[in-house]
PDB file of all heavy atoms in Angstrom:
ATOM      1  N   PHE A   1     150.474 132.438 142.646  1.00  0.00           N
ATOM      2  CA  PHE A   1     151.090 131.342 143.394  1.00  0.00           C
ATOM      3  C   PHE A   1     150.021 130.559 144.137  1.00  0.00           C
ATOM      4  O   PHE A   1     149.011 131.121 144.581  1.00  0.00           O
ATOM      5  CB  PHE A   1     152.099 131.867 144.418  1.00  0.00           C
ATOM      6  CG  PHE A   1     153.347 132.481 143.837  1.00  0.00           C
ATOM      7  CD1 PHE A   1     153.484 132.732 142.485  1.00  0.00           C
ATOM      8  CD2 PHE A   1     154.398 132.816 144.677  1.00  0.00           C
ATOM      9  CE1 PHE A   1     154.625 133.300 141.961  1.00  0.00           C
ATOM     10  CE2 PHE A   1     155.552 133.386 144.169  1.00  0.00           C
ATOM     11  CZ  PHE A   1     155.672 133.632 142.815  1.00  0.00           C
ATOM     12  N   THR A   2     150.260 129.279 144.315  1.00  0.00           N
ATOM     13  CA  THR A   2     149.357 128.418 145.060  1.00  0.00           C
ATOM     14  C   THR A   2     150.156 127.518 145.989  1.00  0.00           C
ATOM     15  O   THR A   2     151.075 126.829 145.548  1.00  0.00           O
ATOM     16  CB  THR A   2     148.502 127.549 144.127  1.00  0.00           C
ATOM     17  OG1 THR A   2     147.766 128.378 143.228  1.00  0.00           O
ATOM     18  CG2 THR A   2     147.517 126.708 144.938  1.00  0.00           C
ATOM     19  N   ILE A   3     149.800 127.530 147.256  1.00  0.00           N
ATOM     20  CA  ILE A   3     150.437 126.651 148.223  1.00  0.00           C
ATOM     21  C   ILE A   3     149.520 125.464 148.496  1.00  0.00           C
ATOM     22  O   ILE A   3     148.295 125.609 148.551  1.00  0.00           O
ATOM     23  CB  ILE A   3     150.792 127.399 149.526  1.00  0.00           C
ATOM     24  CG1 ILE A   3     151.658 126.520 150.432  1.00  0.00           C
ATOM     25  CG2 ILE A   3     149.539 127.883 150.247  1.00  0.00           C
ATOM     26  CD1 ILE A   3     152.242 127.273 151.622  1.00  0.00           C
ATOM     27  N   SER A   4     150.105 124.304 148.665  1.00  0.00           N
ATOM     28  CA  SER A   4     149.346 123.103 148.974  1.00  0.00           C
ATOM     29  C   SER A   4     150.227 122.167 149.783  1.00  0.00           C
ATOM     30  O   SER A   4     151.437 122.364 149.878  1.00  0.00           O
ATOM     31  CB  SER A   4     148.853 122.417 147.697  1.00  0.00           C
ATOM     32  OG  SER A   4     149.940 122.009 146.891  1.00  0.00           O
ATOM     33  N   ARG A   5     149.617 121.156 150.357  1.00  0.00           N
ATOM     34  CA  ARG A   5     150.414 120.195 151.107  1.00  0.00           C
ATOM     35  C   ARG A   5     149.852 118.796 150.969  1.00  0.00           C
ATOM     36  O   ARG A   5     148.654 118.596 150.732  1.00  0.00           O
ATOM     37  CB  ARG A   5     150.537 120.609 152.582  1.00  0.00           C
ATOM     38  CG  ARG A   5     149.261 120.558 153.402  1.00  0.00           C
ATOM     39  CD  ARG A   5     149.480 121.232 154.768  1.00  0.00           C
ATOM     40  NE  ARG A   5     150.606 120.658 155.487  1.00  0.00           N
ATOM     41  CZ  ARG A   5     151.230 121.234 156.518  1.00  0.00           C
ATOM     42  NH1 ARG A   5     150.830 122.431 156.956  1.00  0.00           N
ATOM     43  NH2 ARG A   5     152.245 120.627 157.107  1.00  0.00           N
ATOM     44  N   GLU A   6     150.737 117.840 151.109  1.00  0.00           N
ATOM     45  CA  GLU A   6     150.399 116.431 151.075  1.00  0.00           C
ATOM     46  C   GLU A   6     150.998 115.827 152.343  1.00  0.00           C
ATOM     47  O   GLU A   6     152.161 115.427 152.367  1.00  0.00           O
ATOM     48  CB  GLU A   6     150.948 115.767 149.818  1.00  0.00           C
ATOM     49  CG  GLU A   6     150.484 114.348 149.612  1.00  0.00           C
ATOM     50  CD  GLU A   6     150.910 113.803 148.264  1.00  0.00           C
ATOM     51  OE1 GLU A   6     151.120 114.605 147.332  1.00  0.00           O
ATOM     52  OE2 GLU A   6     151.040 112.579 148.146  1.00  0.00           O
ATOM     53  N   ASN A   7     150.187 115.778 153.377  1.00  0.00           N
ATOM     54  CA  ASN A   7     150.704 115.437 154.695  1.00  0.00           C
ATOM     55  C   ASN A   7     151.203 113.999 154.800  1.00  0.00           C
ATOM     56  O   ASN A   7     152.098 113.715 155.599  1.00  0.00           O
ATOM     57  CB  ASN A   7     149.641 115.698 155.760  1.00  0.00           C
ATOM     58  CG  ASN A   7     149.466 117.167 156.057  1.00  0.00           C
ATOM     59  OD1 ASN A   7     150.303 117.995 155.697  1.00  0.00           O
ATOM     60  ND2 ASN A   7     148.372 117.517 156.725  1.00  0.00           N
ATOM     61  N   ALA A   8     150.620 113.100 154.026  1.00  0.00           N
ATOM     62  CA  ALA A   8     151.077 111.717 154.061  1.00  0.00           C
ATOM     63  C   ALA A   8     152.541 111.606 153.652  1.00  0.00           C
ATOM     64  O   ALA A   8     153.250 110.705 154.105  1.00  0.00           O
ATOM     65  CB  ALA A   8     150.212 110.845 153.168  1.00  0.00           C
ATOM     66  N   LYS A   9     152.984 112.522 152.804  1.00  0.00           N
ATOM     67  CA  LYS A   9     154.379 112.557 152.380  1.00  0.00           C
ATOM     68  C   LYS A   9     155.175 113.637 153.100  1.00  0.00           C
ATOM     69  O   LYS A   9     156.356 113.813 152.804  1.00  0.00           O
ATOM     70  CB  LYS A   9     154.463 112.772 150.870  1.00  0.00           C
ATOM     71  CG  LYS A   9     153.866 111.638 150.052  1.00  0.00           C
ATOM     72  CD  LYS A   9     154.043 111.884 148.565  1.00  0.00           C
ATOM     73  CE  LYS A   9     153.493 110.731 147.748  1.00  0.00           C
ATOM     74  NZ  LYS A   9     153.665 110.963 146.291  1.00  0.00           N
ATOM     75  N   LYS A  10     154.520 114.337 154.025  1.00  0.00           N
ATOM     76  CA  LYS A  10     155.155 115.420 154.776  1.00  0.00           C
ATOM     77  C   LYS A  10     155.754 116.462 153.840  1.00  0.00           C
ATOM     78  O   LYS A  10     156.876 116.939 154.056  1.00  0.00           O
ATOM     79  CB  LYS A  10     156.208 114.872 155.740  1.00  0.00           C
ATOM     80  CG  LYS A  10     155.651 113.931 156.791  1.00  0.00           C
ATOM     81  CD  LYS A  10     156.745 113.432 157.717  1.00  0.00           C
ATOM     82  CE  LYS A  10     156.192 112.571 158.833  1.00  0.00           C
ATOM     83  NZ  LYS A  10     155.556 111.337 158.318  1.00  0.00           N
ATOM     84  N   MET A  11     154.998 116.821 152.835  1.00  0.00           N
ATOM     85  CA  MET A  11     155.485 117.758 151.836  1.00  0.00           C
ATOM     86  C   MET A  11     154.533 118.936 151.653  1.00  0.00           C
ATOM     87  O   MET A  11     153.314 118.793 151.765  1.00  0.00           O
ATOM     88  CB  MET A  11     155.679 117.060 150.490  1.00  0.00           C
ATOM     89  CG  MET A  11     156.733 115.982 150.498  1.00  0.00           C
ATOM     90  SD  MET A  11     157.004 115.253 148.868  1.00  0.00           S
ATOM     91  CE  MET A  11     157.852 116.620 148.052  1.00  0.00           C
ATOM     92  N   VAL A  12     155.119 120.080 151.382  1.00  0.00           N
ATOM     93  CA  VAL A  12     154.391 121.288 151.034  1.00  0.00           C
ATOM     94  C   VAL A  12     154.918 121.779 149.697  1.00  0.00           C
ATOM     95  O   VAL A  12     156.129 121.739 149.449  1.00  0.00           O
ATOM     96  CB  VAL A  12     154.542 122.375 152.115  1.00  0.00           C
ATOM     97  CG1 VAL A  12     153.909 123.685 151.658  1.00  0.00           C
ATOM     98  CG2 VAL A  12     153.903 121.911 153.415  1.00  0.00           C
ATOM     99  N   PHE A  13     154.020 122.249 148.852  1.00  0.00           N
ATOM    100  CA  PHE A  13     154.385 122.688 147.517  1.00  0.00           C
ATOM    101  C   PHE A  13     154.024 124.148 147.314  1.00  0.00           C
ATOM    102  O   PHE A  13     153.053 124.651 147.876  1.00  0.00           O
ATOM    103  CB  PHE A  13     153.674 121.840 146.459  1.00  0.00           C
ATOM    104  CG  PHE A  13     153.903 120.372 146.616  1.00  0.00           C
ATOM    105  CD1 PHE A  13     152.969 119.578 147.251  1.00  0.00           C
ATOM    106  CD2 PHE A  13     155.059 119.786 146.136  1.00  0.00           C
ATOM    107  CE1 PHE A  13     153.173 118.218 147.401  1.00  0.00           C
ATOM    108  CE2 PHE A  13     155.279 118.424 146.282  1.00  0.00           C
ATOM    109  CZ  PHE A  13     154.335 117.644 146.909  1.00  0.00           C
ATOM    110  N   LEU A  14     154.804 124.807 146.503  1.00  0.00           N
ATOM    111  CA  LEU A  14     154.496 126.163 146.070  1.00  0.00           C
ATOM    112  C   LEU A  14     154.510 126.176 144.551  1.00  0.00           C
ATOM    113  O   LEU A  14     155.577 126.114 143.937  1.00  0.00           O
ATOM    114  CB  LEU A  14     155.501 127.172 146.630  1.00  0.00           C
ATOM    115  CG  LEU A  14     155.236 128.629 146.243  1.00  0.00           C
ATOM    116  CD1 LEU A  14     153.898 129.104 146.804  1.00  0.00           C
ATOM    117  CD2 LEU A  14     156.368 129.530 146.727  1.00  0.00           C
ATOM    118  N   GLN A  15     153.326 126.224 143.972  1.00  0.00           N
ATOM    119  CA  GLN A  15     153.194 126.311 142.530  1.00  0.00           C
ATOM    120  C   GLN A  15     153.227 127.777 142.135  1.00  0.00           C
ATOM    121  O   GLN A  15     152.376 128.556 142.571  1.00  0.00           O
ATOM    122  CB  GLN A  15     151.892 125.664 142.062  1.00  0.00           C
ATOM    123  CG  GLN A  15     151.658 125.733 140.559  1.00  0.00           C
ATOM    124  CD  GLN A  15     152.666 124.923 139.781  1.00  0.00           C
ATOM    125  OE1 GLN A  15     152.942 123.781 140.132  1.00  0.00           O
ATOM    126  NE2 GLN A  15     153.216 125.504 138.735  1.00  0.00           N
ATOM    127  N   MET A  16     154.189 128.147 141.327  1.00  0.00           N
ATOM    128  CA  MET A  16     154.388 129.533 140.931  1.00  0.00           C
ATOM    129  C   MET A  16     154.138 129.655 139.432  1.00  0.00           C
ATOM    130  O   MET A  16     154.872 129.072 138.630  1.00  0.00           O
ATOM    131  CB  MET A  16     155.800 130.001 141.284  1.00  0.00           C
ATOM    132  CG  MET A  16     156.152 129.822 142.757  1.00  0.00           C
ATOM    133  SD  MET A  16     157.768 130.518 143.187  1.00  0.00           S
ATOM    134  CE  MET A  16     158.834 129.437 142.231  1.00  0.00           C
ATOM    135  N   ASN A  17     153.118 130.400 139.082  1.00  0.00           N
ATOM    136  CA  ASN A  17     152.764 130.631 137.692  1.00  0.00           C
ATOM    137  C   ASN A  17     152.917 132.104 137.347  1.00  0.00           C
ATOM    138  O   ASN A  17     152.975 132.959 138.228  1.00  0.00           O
ATOM    139  CB  ASN A  17     151.322 130.191 137.426  1.00  0.00           C
ATOM    140  CG  ASN A  17     151.097 128.717 137.657  1.00  0.00           C
ATOM    141  OD1 ASN A  17     151.986 127.897 137.424  1.00  0.00           O
ATOM    142  ND2 ASN A  17     149.904 128.361 138.108  1.00  0.00           N
ATOM    143  N   SER A  18     152.956 132.390 136.066  1.00  0.00           N
ATOM    144  CA  SER A  18     153.074 133.764 135.576  1.00  0.00           C
ATOM    145  C   SER A  18     154.208 134.501 136.269  1.00  0.00           C
ATOM    146  O   SER A  18     154.058 135.631 136.734  1.00  0.00           O
ATOM    147  CB  SER A  18     151.749 134.513 135.772  1.00  0.00           C
ATOM    148  OG  SER A  18     150.694 133.872 135.094  1.00  0.00           O
ATOM    149  N   LEU A  19     155.347 133.867 136.322  1.00  0.00           N
ATOM    150  CA  LEU A  19     156.483 134.424 137.047  1.00  0.00           C
ATOM    151  C   LEU A  19     156.989 135.711 136.406  1.00  0.00           C
ATOM    152  O   LEU A  19     156.975 135.861 135.180  1.00  0.00           O
ATOM    153  CB  LEU A  19     157.606 133.401 137.133  1.00  0.00           C
ATOM    154  CG  LEU A  19     157.376 132.303 138.169  1.00  0.00           C
ATOM    155  CD1 LEU A  19     158.298 131.129 137.917  1.00  0.00           C
ATOM    156  CD2 LEU A  19     157.584 132.857 139.570  1.00  0.00           C
ATOM    157  N   LYS A  20     157.437 136.611 137.264  1.00  0.00           N
ATOM    158  CA  LYS A  20     157.961 137.902 136.855  1.00  0.00           C
ATOM    159  C   LYS A  20     159.405 138.033 137.316  1.00  0.00           C
ATOM    160  O   LYS A  20     159.805 137.395 138.291  1.00  0.00           O
ATOM    161  CB  LYS A  20     157.131 139.030 137.475  1.00  0.00           C
ATOM    162  CG  LYS A  20     155.642 138.963 137.185  1.00  0.00           C
ATOM    163  CD  LYS A  20     154.893 140.037 137.953  1.00  0.00           C
ATOM    164  CE  LYS A  20     153.411 139.964 137.700  1.00  0.00           C
ATOM    165  NZ  LYS A  20     152.672 140.998 138.476  1.00  0.00           N
ATOM    166  N   PRO A  21     160.192 138.872 136.646  1.00  0.00           N
ATOM    167  CA  PRO A  21     161.574 139.073 137.107  1.00  0.00           C
ATOM    168  C   PRO A  21     161.665 139.495 138.566  1.00  0.00           C
ATOM    169  O   PRO A  21     162.625 139.116 139.246  1.00  0.00           O
ATOM    170  CB  PRO A  21     162.094 140.162 136.169  1.00  0.00           C
ATOM    171  CG  PRO A  21     161.314 139.963 134.921  1.00  0.00           C
ATOM    172  CD  PRO A  21     159.936 139.558 135.378  1.00  0.00           C
ATOM    173  N   GLU A  22     160.699 140.241 139.057  1.00  0.00           N
ATOM    174  CA  GLU A  22     160.715 140.667 140.445  1.00  0.00           C
ATOM    175  C   GLU A  22     160.450 139.537 141.435  1.00  0.00           C
ATOM    176  O   GLU A  22     160.569 139.730 142.645  1.00  0.00           O
ATOM    177  CB  GLU A  22     159.718 141.810 140.688  1.00  0.00           C
ATOM    178  CG  GLU A  22     158.330 141.538 140.148  1.00  0.00           C
ATOM    179  CD  GLU A  22     158.094 142.156 138.784  1.00  0.00           C
ATOM    180  OE1 GLU A  22     158.984 142.025 137.911  1.00  0.00           O
ATOM    181  OE2 GLU A  22     157.030 142.774 138.581  1.00  0.00           O
ATOM    182  N   ASP A  23     160.095 138.360 140.940  1.00  0.00           N
ATOM    183  CA  ASP A  23     159.973 137.182 141.796  1.00  0.00           C
ATOM    184  C   ASP A  23     161.322 136.539 142.079  1.00  0.00           C
ATOM    185  O   ASP A  23     161.399 135.612 142.889  1.00  0.00           O
ATOM    186  CB  ASP A  23     159.053 136.140 141.154  1.00  0.00           C
ATOM    187  CG  ASP A  23     157.617 136.622 141.038  1.00  0.00           C
ATOM    188  OD1 ASP A  23     157.118 137.257 141.989  1.00  0.00           O
ATOM    189  OD2 ASP A  23     156.994 136.346 139.994  1.00  0.00           O
ATOM    190  N   THR A  24     162.355 136.988 141.407  1.00  0.00           N
ATOM    191  CA  THR A  24     163.691 136.434 141.607  1.00  0.00           C
ATOM    192  C   THR A  24     164.138 136.624 143.046  1.00  0.00           C
ATOM    193  O   THR A  24     164.143 137.738 143.566  1.00  0.00           O
ATOM    194  CB  THR A  24     164.687 137.092 140.656  1.00  0.00           C
ATOM    195  OG1 THR A  24     164.350 136.768 139.305  1.00  0.00           O
ATOM    196  CG2 THR A  24     166.103 136.613 140.938  1.00  0.00           C
ATOM    197  N   ALA A  25     164.503 135.534 143.696  1.00  0.00           N
ATOM    198  CA  ALA A  25     164.895 135.570 145.097  1.00  0.00           C
ATOM    199  C   ALA A  25     165.298 134.167 145.530  1.00  0.00           C
ATOM    200  O   ALA A  25     165.087 133.191 144.813  1.00  0.00           O
ATOM    201  CB  ALA A  25     163.750 136.072 145.975  1.00  0.00           C
ATOM    202  N   ILE A  26     165.860 134.086 146.715  1.00  0.00           N
ATOM    203  CA  ILE A  26     166.008 132.807 147.380  1.00  0.00           C
ATOM    204  C   ILE A  26     164.716 132.543 148.144  1.00  0.00           C
ATOM    205  O   ILE A  26     164.269 133.390 148.916  1.00  0.00           O
ATOM    206  CB  ILE A  26     167.207 132.789 148.343  1.00  0.00           C
ATOM    207  CG1 ILE A  26     168.499 133.064 147.587  1.00  0.00           C
ATOM    208  CG2 ILE A  26     167.299 131.453 149.058  1.00  0.00           C
ATOM    209  CD1 ILE A  26     169.713 133.195 148.483  1.00  0.00           C
ATOM    210  N   TYR A  27     164.142 131.393 147.923  1.00  0.00           N
ATOM    211  CA  TYR A  27     162.888 131.026 148.565  1.00  0.00           C
ATOM    212  C   TYR A  27     163.151 130.052 149.701  1.00  0.00           C
ATOM    213  O   TYR A  27     163.850 129.052 149.526  1.00  0.00           O
ATOM    214  CB  TYR A  27     161.927 130.416 147.545  1.00  0.00           C
ATOM    215  CG  TYR A  27     161.276 131.445 146.664  1.00  0.00           C
ATOM    216  CD1 TYR A  27     162.010 132.121 145.698  1.00  0.00           C
ATOM    217  CD2 TYR A  27     159.926 131.763 146.806  1.00  0.00           C
ATOM    218  CE1 TYR A  27     161.429 133.083 144.900  1.00  0.00           C
ATOM    219  CE2 TYR A  27     159.329 132.719 146.005  1.00  0.00           C
ATOM    220  CZ  TYR A  27     160.091 133.376 145.056  1.00  0.00           C
ATOM    221  OH  TYR A  27     159.494 134.329 144.258  1.00  0.00           O
ATOM    222  N   TYR A  28     162.579 130.353 150.852  1.00  0.00           N
ATOM    223  CA  TYR A  28     162.749 129.550 152.051  1.00  0.00           C
ATOM    224  C   TYR A  28     161.405 129.012 152.527  1.00  0.00           C
ATOM    225  O   TYR A  28     160.408 129.725 152.495  1.00  0.00           O
ATOM    226  CB  TYR A  28     163.335 130.383 153.194  1.00  0.00           C
ATOM    227  CG  TYR A  28     164.676 131.008 152.923  1.00  0.00           C
ATOM    228  CD1 TYR A  28     164.773 132.263 152.333  1.00  0.00           C
ATOM    229  CD2 TYR A  28     165.846 130.355 153.282  1.00  0.00           C
ATOM    230  CE1 TYR A  28     166.002 132.848 152.101  1.00  0.00           C
ATOM    231  CE2 TYR A  28     167.080 130.935 153.056  1.00  0.00           C
ATOM    232  CZ  TYR A  28     167.152 132.186 152.463  1.00  0.00           C
ATOM    233  OH  TYR A  28     168.375 132.764 152.238  1.00  0.00           O
ATOM    234  N   CYS A  29     161.387 127.786 152.997  1.00  0.00           N
ATOM    235  CA  CYS A  29     160.219 127.326 153.724  1.00  0.00           C
ATOM    236  C   CYS A  29     160.512 127.384 155.211  1.00  0.00           C
ATOM    237  O   CYS A  29     161.666 127.290 155.643  1.00  0.00           O
ATOM    238  CB  CYS A  29     159.783 125.917 153.303  1.00  0.00           C
ATOM    239  SG  CYS A  29     160.968 124.593 153.590  1.00  0.00           S
ATOM    240  N   ALA A  30     159.468 127.583 155.993  1.00  0.00           N
ATOM    241  CA  ALA A  30     159.595 127.748 157.430  1.00  0.00           C
ATOM    242  C   ALA A  30     158.430 127.063 158.118  1.00  0.00           C
ATOM    243  O   ALA A  30     157.334 126.978 157.566  1.00  0.00           O
ATOM    244  CB  ALA A  30     159.632 129.235 157.801  1.00  0.00           C
ATOM    245  N   ALA A  31     158.661 126.592 159.336  1.00  0.00           N
ATOM    246  CA  ALA A  31     157.656 125.825 160.065  1.00  0.00           C
ATOM    247  C   ALA A  31     157.345 126.453 161.413  1.00  0.00           C
ATOM    248  O   ALA A  31     158.232 126.975 162.094  1.00  0.00           O
ATOM    249  CB  ALA A  31     158.122 124.392 160.268  1.00  0.00           C
ATOM    250  N   SER A  32     156.077 126.371 161.786  1.00  0.00           N
ATOM    251  CA  SER A  32     155.602 126.810 163.086  1.00  0.00           C
ATOM    252  C   SER A  32     154.649 125.769 163.633  1.00  0.00           C
ATOM    253  O   SER A  32     153.820 125.232 162.890  1.00  0.00           O
ATOM    254  CB  SER A  32     154.902 128.169 162.983  1.00  0.00           C
ATOM    255  OG  SER A  32     154.355 128.564 164.226  1.00  0.00           O
ATOM    256  N   ARG A  33     154.755 125.488 164.936  1.00  0.00           N
ATOM    257  CA  ARG A  33     153.891 124.477 165.537  1.00  0.00           C
ATOM    258  C   ARG A  33     152.425 124.869 165.470  1.00  0.00           C
ATOM    259  O   ARG A  33     151.555 124.032 165.287  1.00  0.00           O
ATOM    260  CB  ARG A  33     154.307 124.231 166.997  1.00  0.00           C
ATOM    261  CG  ARG A  33     153.484 123.145 167.686  1.00  0.00           C
ATOM    262  CD  ARG A  33     153.723 121.797 167.035  1.00  0.00           C
ATOM    263  NE  ARG A  33     152.927 120.748 167.650  1.00  0.00           N
ATOM    264  CZ  ARG A  33     151.690 120.442 167.289  1.00  0.00           C
ATOM    265  NH1 ARG A  33     151.103 121.110 166.310  1.00  0.00           N
ATOM    266  NH2 ARG A  33     151.034 119.463 167.906  1.00  0.00           N
ATOM    267  N   PHE A  34     152.145 126.149 165.590  1.00  0.00           N
ATOM    268  CA  PHE A  34     150.788 126.650 165.547  1.00  0.00           C
ATOM    269  C   PHE A  34     150.682 127.769 164.537  1.00  0.00           C
ATOM    270  O   PHE A  34     151.636 128.513 164.303  1.00  0.00           O
ATOM    271  CB  PHE A  34     150.333 127.155 166.924  1.00  0.00           C
ATOM    272  CG  PHE A  34     150.353 126.110 167.989  1.00  0.00           C
ATOM    273  CD1 PHE A  34     151.394 126.052 168.899  1.00  0.00           C
ATOM    274  CD2 PHE A  34     149.336 125.185 168.083  1.00  0.00           C
ATOM    275  CE1 PHE A  34     151.411 125.088 169.886  1.00  0.00           C
ATOM    276  CE2 PHE A  34     149.343 124.211 169.061  1.00  0.00           C
ATOM    277  CZ  PHE A  34     150.384 124.162 169.964  1.00  0.00           C
ATOM    278  N   MET A  35     149.504 127.886 163.951  1.00  0.00           N
ATOM    279  CA  MET A  35     149.237 128.960 163.005  1.00  0.00           C
ATOM    280  C   MET A  35     149.150 130.273 163.765  1.00  0.00           C
ATOM    281  O   MET A  35     148.318 130.435 164.652  1.00  0.00           O
ATOM    282  CB  MET A  35     147.939 128.699 162.262  1.00  0.00           C
ATOM    283  CG  MET A  35     147.649 129.684 161.148  1.00  0.00           C
ATOM    284  SD  MET A  35     148.735 129.403 159.727  1.00  0.00           S
ATOM    285  CE  MET A  35     147.799 130.237 158.442  1.00  0.00           C
ATOM    286  N   SER A  36     150.015 131.204 163.425  1.00  0.00           N
ATOM    287  CA  SER A  36     150.049 132.492 164.092  1.00  0.00           C
ATOM    288  C   SER A  36     148.937 133.395 163.591  1.00  0.00           C
ATOM    289  O   SER A  36     148.495 133.295 162.447  1.00  0.00           O
ATOM    290  CB  SER A  36     151.403 133.165 163.862  1.00  0.00           C
ATOM    291  OG  SER A  36     151.414 134.471 164.395  1.00  0.00           O
ATOM    292  N   THR A  37     148.490 134.294 164.472  1.00  0.00           N
ATOM    293  CA  THR A  37     147.541 135.311 164.045  1.00  0.00           C
ATOM    294  C   THR A  37     148.216 136.372 163.194  1.00  0.00           C
ATOM    295  O   THR A  37     147.539 137.175 162.556  1.00  0.00           O
ATOM    296  CB  THR A  37     146.866 135.972 165.251  1.00  0.00           C
ATOM    297  OG1 THR A  37     147.866 136.516 166.121  1.00  0.00           O
ATOM    298  CG2 THR A  37     146.037 134.962 166.026  1.00  0.00           C
ATOM    299  N   GLN A  38     149.537 136.397 163.203  1.00  0.00           N
ATOM    300  CA  GLN A  38     150.335 137.277 162.361  1.00  0.00           C
ATOM    301  C   GLN A  38     151.377 136.425 161.627  1.00  0.00           C
ATOM    302  O   GLN A  38     152.572 136.501 161.910  1.00  0.00           O
ATOM    303  CB  GLN A  38     151.004 138.373 163.189  1.00  0.00           C
ATOM    304  CG  GLN A  38     150.032 139.264 163.932  1.00  0.00           C
ATOM    305  CD  GLN A  38     150.741 140.354 164.710  1.00  0.00           C
ATOM    306  OE1 GLN A  38     151.472 141.174 164.148  1.00  0.00           O
ATOM    307  NE2 GLN A  38     150.528 140.370 166.017  1.00  0.00           N
ATOM    308  N   PRO A  39     150.935 135.641 160.667  1.00  0.00           N
ATOM    309  CA  PRO A  39     151.828 134.650 160.038  1.00  0.00           C
ATOM    310  C   PRO A  39     152.840 135.222 159.066  1.00  0.00           C
ATOM    311  O   PRO A  39     153.674 134.466 158.564  1.00  0.00           O
ATOM    312  CB  PRO A  39     150.835 133.728 159.309  1.00  0.00           C
ATOM    313  CG  PRO A  39     149.691 134.621 158.967  1.00  0.00           C
ATOM    314  CD  PRO A  39     149.570 135.578 160.131  1.00  0.00           C
ATOM    315  N   MET A  40     152.774 136.519 158.791  1.00  0.00           N
ATOM    316  CA  MET A  40     153.660 137.114 157.802  1.00  0.00           C
ATOM    317  C   MET A  40     155.031 137.496 158.344  1.00  0.00           C
ATOM    318  O   MET A  40     155.912 137.882 157.566  1.00  0.00           O
ATOM    319  CB  MET A  40     152.999 138.348 157.175  1.00  0.00           C
ATOM    320  CG  MET A  40     152.839 139.562 158.092  1.00  0.00           C
ATOM    321  SD  MET A  40     151.689 139.313 159.482  1.00  0.00           S
ATOM    322  CE  MET A  40     150.169 138.928 158.593  1.00  0.00           C
TER     323      MET A  40
END
């Protein structure tokens, strides 16, 4: 997977390659004002 962003369009992308059945899920994006030291 590769995450990227295009701030001029206020967009973030998640490119998912070599997908596996175990990747099946509901995917959510989430926002934080500051980058956390524990972002997970």
